[in-house]
Amino acid sequence: MKIAHFFLLLLTFFINLSGLLAQENEAGCKVLQNTLVGKYTGECKKGLADGKGEAIGQHHYTGSFKKGLPNGKGI
């Protein structure tokens, strides 16, 4: 039984890790809003989307970002 719990825990860890890695674009810049996680191009600060950019995930947003989140003007 302990072995089954270990493998379940290990599987959960790898699933969560893959979700975190999917948030990063090629430059290592993250978008924190779940519906915009996917592809990001634009300005980056301290590893987060910050400034003008475009994020495409479940939704599509072009505009200003601050600390990884849409902020200010954008569509």
PDB file of N, CA and C in Angstrom:
ATOM      1  N   MET A   1       0.814  -1.186   0.000  1.00  0.00           N
ATOM      2  CA  MET A   1       0.000   0.000   0.000  1.00  0.00           C
ATOM      3  C   MET A   1       0.868   1.265   0.000  1.00  0.00           C
ATOM      4  N   LYS A   2       1.971   1.251   0.739  1.00  0.00           N
ATOM      5  CA  LYS A   2       2.849   2.411   0.785  1.00  0.00           C
ATOM      6  C   LYS A   2       3.463   2.687  -0.581  1.00  0.00           C
ATOM      7  N   ILE A   3       3.756   1.653  -1.328  1.00  0.00           N
ATOM      8  CA  ILE A   3       4.335   1.818  -2.667  1.00  0.00           C
ATOM      9  C   ILE A   3       3.328   2.499  -3.587  1.00  0.00           C
ATOM     10  N   ALA A   4       2.062   2.116  -3.502  1.00  0.00           N
ATOM     11  CA  ALA A   4       1.023   2.727  -4.332  1.00  0.00           C
ATOM     12  C   ALA A   4       0.892   4.204  -4.012  1.00  0.00           C
ATOM     13  N   HIS A   5       0.951   4.567  -2.733  1.00  0.00           N
ATOM     14  CA  HIS A   5       0.876   5.977  -2.342  1.00  0.00           C
ATOM     15  C   HIS A   5       2.083   6.749  -2.864  1.00  0.00           C
ATOM     16  N   PHE A   6       3.248   6.135  -2.817  1.00  0.00           N
ATOM     17  CA  PHE A   6       4.462   6.781  -3.316  1.00  0.00           C
ATOM     18  C   PHE A   6       4.349   7.083  -4.806  1.00  0.00           C
ATOM     19  N   PHE A   7       3.890   6.101  -5.589  1.00  0.00           N
ATOM     20  CA  PHE A   7       3.774   6.303  -7.029  1.00  0.00           C
ATOM     21  C   PHE A   7       2.692   7.330  -7.360  1.00  0.00           C
ATOM     22  N   LEU A   8       1.620   7.364  -6.601  1.00  0.00           N
ATOM     23  CA  LEU A   8       0.580   8.360  -6.805  1.00  0.00           C
ATOM     24  C   LEU A   8       1.120   9.759  -6.514  1.00  0.00           C
ATOM     25  N   LEU A   9       1.885   9.888  -5.451  1.00  0.00           N
ATOM     26  CA  LEU A   9       2.507  11.163  -5.108  1.00  0.00           C
ATOM     27  C   LEU A   9       3.497  11.594  -6.190  1.00  0.00           C
ATOM     28  N   LEU A  10       4.293  10.665  -6.667  1.00  0.00           N
ATOM     29  CA  LEU A  10       5.264  10.948  -7.721  1.00  0.00           C
ATOM     30  C   LEU A  10       4.570  11.384  -9.008  1.00  0.00           C
ATOM     31  N   LEU A  11       3.504  10.702  -9.376  1.00  0.00           N
ATOM     32  CA  LEU A  11       2.744  11.051 -10.576  1.00  0.00           C
ATOM     33  C   LEU A  11       2.143  12.450 -10.437  1.00  0.00           C
ATOM     34  N   THR A  12       1.587  12.764  -9.275  1.00  0.00           N
ATOM     35  CA  THR A  12       1.023  14.088  -9.025  1.00  0.00           C
ATOM     36  C   THR A  12       2.088  15.168  -9.162  1.00  0.00           C
ATOM     37  N   PHE A  13       3.273  14.907  -8.645  1.00  0.00           N
ATOM     38  CA  PHE A  13       4.378  15.862  -8.737  1.00  0.00           C
ATOM     39  C   PHE A  13       4.721  16.168 -10.188  1.00  0.00           C
ATOM     40  N   PHE A  14       4.845  15.135 -11.019  1.00  0.00           N
ATOM     41  CA  PHE A  14       5.219  15.354 -12.415  1.00  0.00           C
ATOM     42  C   PHE A  14       4.121  16.057 -13.203  1.00  0.00           C
ATOM     43  N   ILE A  15       2.869  15.782 -12.891  1.00  0.00           N
ATOM     44  CA  ILE A  15       1.766  16.478 -13.559  1.00  0.00           C
ATOM     45  C   ILE A  15       1.805  17.960 -13.207  1.00  0.00           C
ATOM     46  N   ASN A  16       2.005  18.287 -11.930  1.00  0.00           N
ATOM     47  CA  ASN A  16       2.090  19.686 -11.511  1.00  0.00           C
ATOM     48  C   ASN A  16       3.312  20.370 -12.102  1.00  0.00           C
ATOM     49  N   LEU A  17       4.424  19.688 -12.175  1.00  0.00           N
ATOM     50  CA  LEU A  17       5.639  20.260 -12.753  1.00  0.00           C
ATOM     51  C   LEU A  17       5.432  20.594 -14.221  1.00  0.00           C
ATOM     52  N   SER A  18       4.786  19.709 -14.964  1.00  0.00           N
ATOM     53  CA  SER A  18       4.572  19.977 -16.387  1.00  0.00           C
ATOM     54  C   SER A  18       3.655  21.175 -16.584  1.00  0.00           C
ATOM     55  N   GLY A  19       2.691  21.374 -15.697  1.00  0.00           N
ATOM     56  CA  GLY A  19       1.822  22.544 -15.769  1.00  0.00           C
ATOM     57  C   GLY A  19       2.579  23.825 -15.524  1.00  0.00           C
ATOM     58  N   LEU A  20       3.517  23.807 -14.599  1.00  0.00           N
ATOM     59  CA  LEU A  20       4.320  24.999 -14.322  1.00  0.00           C
ATOM     60  C   LEU A  20       5.231  25.324 -15.491  1.00  0.00           C
ATOM     61  N   LEU A  21       5.814  24.318 -16.093  1.00  0.00           N
ATOM     62  CA  LEU A  21       6.719  24.550 -17.214  1.00  0.00           C
ATOM     63  C   LEU A  21       5.975  25.075 -18.423  1.00  0.00           C
ATOM     64  N   ALA A  22       4.715  24.712 -18.580  1.00  0.00           N
ATOM     65  CA  ALA A  22       3.937  25.159 -19.729  1.00  0.00           C
ATOM     66  C   ALA A  22       3.668  26.652 -19.682  1.00  0.00           C
ATOM     67  N   GLN A  23       3.776  27.272 -18.505  1.00  0.00           N
ATOM     68  CA  GLN A  23       3.506  28.688 -18.370  1.00  0.00           C
ATOM     69  C   GLN A  23       4.637  29.547 -18.919  1.00  0.00           C
ATOM     70  N   GLU A  24       5.801  29.015 -19.042  1.00  0.00           N
ATOM     71  CA  GLU A  24       6.941  29.820 -19.463  1.00  0.00           C
ATOM     72  C   GLU A  24       7.053  29.855 -20.978  1.00  0.00           C
ATOM     73  N   ASN A  25       7.400  31.034 -21.500  1.00  0.00           N
ATOM     74  CA  ASN A  25       7.676  31.106 -22.924  1.00  0.00           C
ATOM     75  C   ASN A  25       9.159  30.806 -23.139  1.00  0.00           C
ATOM     76  N   GLU A  26       9.621  30.976 -24.343  1.00  0.00           N
ATOM     77  CA  GLU A  26      11.013  30.644 -24.667  1.00  0.00           C
ATOM     78  C   GLU A  26      12.012  31.459 -23.858  1.00  0.00           C
ATOM     79  N   ALA A  27      11.658  32.693 -23.490  1.00  0.00           N
ATOM     80  CA  ALA A  27      12.571  33.552 -22.738  1.00  0.00           C
ATOM     81  C   ALA A  27      12.419  33.364 -21.232  1.00  0.00           C
ATOM     82  N   GLY A  28      11.523  32.466 -20.796  1.00  0.00           N
ATOM     83  CA  GLY A  28      11.323  32.227 -19.377  1.00  0.00           C
ATOM     84  C   GLY A  28      10.392  33.230 -18.726  1.00  0.00           C
ATOM     85  N   CYS A  29       9.564  33.885 -19.489  1.00  0.00           N
ATOM     86  CA  CYS A  29       8.646  34.890 -18.976  1.00  0.00           C
ATOM     87  C   CYS A  29       7.279  34.255 -18.738  1.00  0.00           C
ATOM     88  N   LYS A  30       6.738  34.419 -17.525  1.00  0.00           N
ATOM     89  CA  LYS A  30       5.473  33.769 -17.173  1.00  0.00           C
ATOM     90  C   LYS A  30       4.289  34.726 -17.217  1.00  0.00           C
ATOM     91  N   VAL A  31       3.151  34.178 -17.628  1.00  0.00           N
ATOM     92  CA  VAL A  31       1.857  34.841 -17.519  1.00  0.00           C
ATOM     93  C   VAL A  31       1.107  34.067 -16.439  1.00  0.00           C
ATOM     94  N   LEU A  32       0.544  34.768 -15.456  1.00  0.00           N
ATOM     95  CA  LEU A  32      -0.048  34.102 -14.309  1.00  0.00           C
ATOM     96  C   LEU A  32      -1.548  33.845 -14.424  1.00  0.00           C
ATOM     97  N   GLN A  33      -2.228  34.455 -15.375  1.00  0.00           N
ATOM     98  CA  GLN A  33      -3.660  34.220 -15.537  1.00  0.00           C
ATOM     99  C   GLN A  33      -3.860  32.929 -16.316  1.00  0.00           C
ATOM    100  N   ASN A  34      -4.554  31.971 -15.711  1.00  0.00           N
ATOM    101  CA  ASN A  34      -4.694  30.625 -16.283  1.00  0.00           C
ATOM    102  C   ASN A  34      -5.232  30.617 -17.708  1.00  0.00           C
ATOM    103  N   THR A  35      -6.187  31.474 -18.023  1.00  0.00           N
ATOM    104  CA  THR A  35      -6.784  31.456 -19.360  1.00  0.00           C
ATOM    105  C   THR A  35      -5.869  32.027 -20.432  1.00  0.00           C
ATOM    106  N   LEU A  36      -4.752  32.623 -20.024  1.00  0.00           N
ATOM    107  CA  LEU A  36      -3.797  33.197 -20.987  1.00  0.00           C
ATOM    108  C   LEU A  36      -2.488  32.413 -21.048  1.00  0.00           C
ATOM    109  N   VAL A  37      -2.377  31.357 -20.275  1.00  0.00           N
ATOM    110  CA  VAL A  37      -1.151  30.555 -20.268  1.00  0.00           C
ATOM    111  C   VAL A  37      -1.027  29.822 -21.596  1.00  0.00           C
ATOM    112  N   GLY A  38       0.106  29.904 -22.202  1.00  0.00           N
ATOM    113  CA  GLY A  38       0.374  29.256 -23.484  1.00  0.00           C
ATOM    114  C   GLY A  38       1.577  29.896 -24.122  1.00  0.00           C
ATOM    115  N   LYS A  39       1.313  30.842 -25.032  1.00  0.00           N
ATOM    116  CA  LYS A  39       2.394  31.544 -25.724  1.00  0.00           C
ATOM    117  C   LYS A  39       2.367  33.015 -25.315  1.00  0.00           C
ATOM    118  N   TYR A  40       3.525  33.557 -24.961  1.00  0.00           N
ATOM    119  CA  TYR A  40       3.637  34.970 -24.620  1.00  0.00           C
ATOM    120  C   TYR A  40       4.801  35.575 -25.377  1.00  0.00           C
ATOM    121  N   THR A  41       4.553  36.731 -25.980  1.00  0.00           N
ATOM    122  CA  THR A  41       5.621  37.519 -26.590  1.00  0.00           C
ATOM    123  C   THR A  41       5.476  38.932 -26.067  1.00  0.00           C
ATOM    124  N   GLY A  42       6.574  39.505 -25.637  1.00  0.00           N
ATOM    125  CA  GLY A  42       6.531  40.873 -25.158  1.00  0.00           C
ATOM    126  C   GLY A  42       7.571  41.130 -24.088  1.00  0.00           C
ATOM    127  N   GLU A  43       7.364  42.230 -23.376  1.00  0.00           N
ATOM    128  CA  GLU A  43       8.303  42.662 -22.359  1.00  0.00           C
ATOM    129  C   GLU A  43       8.193  41.804 -21.109  1.00  0.00           C
ATOM    130  N   CYS A  44       9.323  41.700 -20.400  1.00  0.00           N
ATOM    131  CA  CYS A  44       9.404  40.817 -19.250  1.00  0.00           C
ATOM    132  C   CYS A  44      10.227  41.491 -18.158  1.00  0.00           C
ATOM    133  N   LYS A  45       9.837  41.272 -16.903  1.00  0.00           N
ATOM    134  CA  LYS A  45      10.583  41.816 -15.779  1.00  0.00           C
ATOM    135  C   LYS A  45      10.573  40.785 -14.650  1.00  0.00           C
ATOM    136  N   LYS A  46      11.743  40.401 -14.202  1.00  0.00           N
ATOM    137  CA  LYS A  46      11.898  39.423 -13.124  1.00  0.00           C
ATOM    138  C   LYS A  46      11.144  38.117 -13.403  1.00  0.00           C
ATOM    139  N   GLY A  47      11.163  37.697 -14.663  1.00  0.00           N
ATOM    140  CA  GLY A  47      10.553  36.427 -15.044  1.00  0.00           C
ATOM    141  C   GLY A  47       9.056  36.458 -15.255  1.00  0.00           C
ATOM    142  N   LEU A  48       8.436  37.638 -15.153  1.00  0.00           N
ATOM    143  CA  LEU A  48       6.993  37.766 -15.347  1.00  0.00           C
ATOM    144  C   LEU A  48       6.700  38.741 -16.479  1.00  0.00           C
ATOM    145  N   ALA A  49       5.583  38.501 -17.178  1.00  0.00           N
ATOM    146  CA  ALA A  49       5.137  39.428 -18.212  1.00  0.00           C
ATOM    147  C   ALA A  49       4.947  40.799 -17.582  1.00  0.00           C
ATOM    148  N   ASP A  50       5.576  41.816 -18.160  1.00  0.00           N
ATOM    149  CA  ASP A  50       5.509  43.158 -17.583  1.00  0.00           C
ATOM    150  C   ASP A  50       5.803  44.168 -18.685  1.00  0.00           C
ATOM    151  N   GLY A  51       4.822  44.995 -19.008  1.00  0.00           N
ATOM    152  CA  GLY A  51       4.943  45.944 -20.109  1.00  0.00           C
ATOM    153  C   GLY A  51       4.001  45.539 -21.226  1.00  0.00           C
ATOM    154  N   LYS A  52       4.320  45.936 -22.441  1.00  0.00           N
ATOM    155  CA  LYS A  52       3.479  45.591 -23.592  1.00  0.00           C
ATOM    156  C   LYS A  52       3.750  44.160 -24.017  1.00  0.00           C
ATOM    157  N   GLY A  53       2.666  43.420 -24.310  1.00  0.00           N
ATOM    158  CA  GLY A  53       2.843  42.048 -24.749  1.00  0.00           C
ATOM    159  C   GLY A  53       1.567  41.428 -25.277  1.00  0.00           C
ATOM    160  N   GLU A  54       1.701  40.177 -25.699  1.00  0.00           N
ATOM    161  CA  GLU A  54       0.580  39.415 -26.231  1.00  0.00           C
ATOM    162  C   GLU A  54       0.642  38.005 -25.652  1.00  0.00           C
ATOM    163  N   ALA A  55      -0.480  37.567 -25.085  1.00  0.00           N
ATOM    164  CA  ALA A  55      -0.568  36.222 -24.525  1.00  0.00           C
ATOM    165  C   ALA A  55      -1.698  35.469 -25.222  1.00  0.00           C
ATOM    166  N   ILE A  56      -1.393  34.236 -25.606  1.00  0.00           N
ATOM    167  CA  ILE A  56      -2.384  33.405 -26.274  1.00  0.00           C
ATOM    168  C   ILE A  56      -2.449  32.073 -25.537  1.00  0.00           C
ATOM    169  N   GLY A  57      -3.608  31.796 -24.987  1.00  0.00           N
ATOM    170  CA  GLY A  57      -3.883  30.534 -24.308  1.00  0.00           C
ATOM    171  C   GLY A  57      -5.293  30.131 -24.682  1.00  0.00           C
ATOM    172  N   GLN A  58      -6.109  29.848 -23.684  1.00  0.00           N
ATOM    173  CA  GLN A  58      -7.532  29.608 -23.930  1.00  0.00           C
ATOM    174  C   GLN A  58      -8.160  30.896 -24.479  1.00  0.00           C
ATOM    175  N   HIS A  59      -7.709  32.051 -23.968  1.00  0.00           N
ATOM    176  CA  HIS A  59      -8.110  33.356 -24.471  1.00  0.00           C
ATOM    177  C   HIS A  59      -6.905  34.050 -25.092  1.00  0.00           C
ATOM    178  N   HIS A  60      -7.140  35.185 -25.721  1.00  0.00           N
ATOM    179  CA  HIS A  60      -6.090  35.956 -26.399  1.00  0.00           C
ATOM    180  C   HIS A  60      -6.150  37.383 -25.864  1.00  0.00           C
ATOM    181  N   TYR A  61      -5.012  37.908 -25.400  1.00  0.00           N
ATOM    182  CA  TYR A  61      -4.957  39.268 -24.863  1.00  0.00           C
ATOM    183  C   TYR A  61      -3.728  39.972 -25.407  1.00  0.00           C
ATOM    184  N   THR A  62      -3.944  41.188 -25.907  1.00  0.00           N
ATOM    185  CA  THR A  62      -2.855  42.050 -26.354  1.00  0.00           C
ATOM    186  C   THR A  62      -2.988  43.361 -25.601  1.00  0.00           C
ATOM    187  N   GLY A  63      -1.925  43.752 -24.906  1.00  0.00           N
ATOM    188  CA  GLY A  63      -1.972  44.995 -24.156  1.00  0.00           C
ATOM    189  C   GLY A  63      -0.907  45.039 -23.079  1.00  0.00           C
ATOM    190  N   SER A  64      -1.222  45.737 -22.012  1.00  0.00           N
ATOM    191  CA  SER A  64      -0.272  45.934 -20.922  1.00  0.00           C
ATOM    192  C   SER A  64      -0.361  44.823 -19.885  1.00  0.00           C
ATOM    193  N   PHE A  65       0.797  44.445 -19.364  1.00  0.00           N
ATOM    194  CA  PHE A  65       0.906  43.459 -18.294  1.00  0.00           C
ATOM    195  C   PHE A  65       1.676  44.075 -17.131  1.00  0.00           C
ATOM    196  N   LYS A  66       1.382  43.612 -15.937  1.00  0.00           N
ATOM    197  CA  LYS A  66       2.149  44.010 -14.762  1.00  0.00           C
ATOM    198  C   LYS A  66       2.217  42.800 -13.826  1.00  0.00           C
ATOM    199  N   LYS A  67       3.443  42.426 -13.483  1.00  0.00           N
ATOM    200  CA  LYS A  67       3.687  41.291 -12.585  1.00  0.00           C
ATOM    201  C   LYS A  67       2.967  40.020 -13.048  1.00  0.00           C
ATOM    202  N   GLY A  68       2.966  39.786 -14.373  1.00  0.00           N
ATOM    203  CA  GLY A  68       2.428  38.558 -14.925  1.00  0.00           C
ATOM    204  C   GLY A  68       0.946  38.567 -15.215  1.00  0.00           C
ATOM    205  N   LEU A  69       0.262  39.676 -14.935  1.00  0.00           N
ATOM    206  CA  LEU A  69      -1.187  39.751 -15.135  1.00  0.00           C
ATOM    207  C   LEU A  69      -1.556  40.896 -16.062  1.00  0.00           C
ATOM    208  N   PRO A  70      -2.671  40.747 -16.826  1.00  0.00           N
ATOM    209  CA  PRO A  70      -3.140  41.857 -17.643  1.00  0.00           C
ATOM    210  C   PRO A  70      -3.393  43.072 -16.746  1.00  0.00           C
ATOM    211  N   ASN A  71      -3.003  44.254 -17.246  1.00  0.00           N
ATOM    212  CA  ASN A  71      -3.144  45.456 -16.415  1.00  0.00           C
ATOM    213  C   ASN A  71      -3.256  46.673 -17.326  1.00  0.00           C
ATOM    214  N   GLY A  72      -4.305  47.455 -17.140  1.00  0.00           N
ATOM    215  CA  GLY A  72      -4.450  48.669 -17.929  1.00  0.00           C
ATOM    216  C   GLY A  72      -5.176  48.412 -19.222  1.00  0.00           C
ATOM    217  N   LYS A  73      -4.702  49.051 -20.272  1.00  0.00           N
ATOM    218  CA  LYS A  73      -5.383  48.965 -21.571  1.00  0.00           C
ATOM    219  C   LYS A  73      -4.976  47.698 -22.302  1.00  0.00           C
ATOM    220  N   GLY A  74      -5.959  47.085 -22.929  1.00  0.00           N
ATOM    221  CA  GLY A  74      -5.710  45.898 -23.734  1.00  0.00           C
ATOM    222  C   GLY A  74      -7.002  45.312 -24.259  1.00  0.00           C
ATOM    223  N   ILE A  75      -6.877  44.416 -25.219  1.00  0.00           N
ATOM    224  CA  ILE A  75      -8.037  43.743 -25.786  1.00  0.00           C
ATOM    225  C   ILE A  75      -7.788  42.244 -25.829  1.00  0.00           C
TER     226      ILE A  75
END
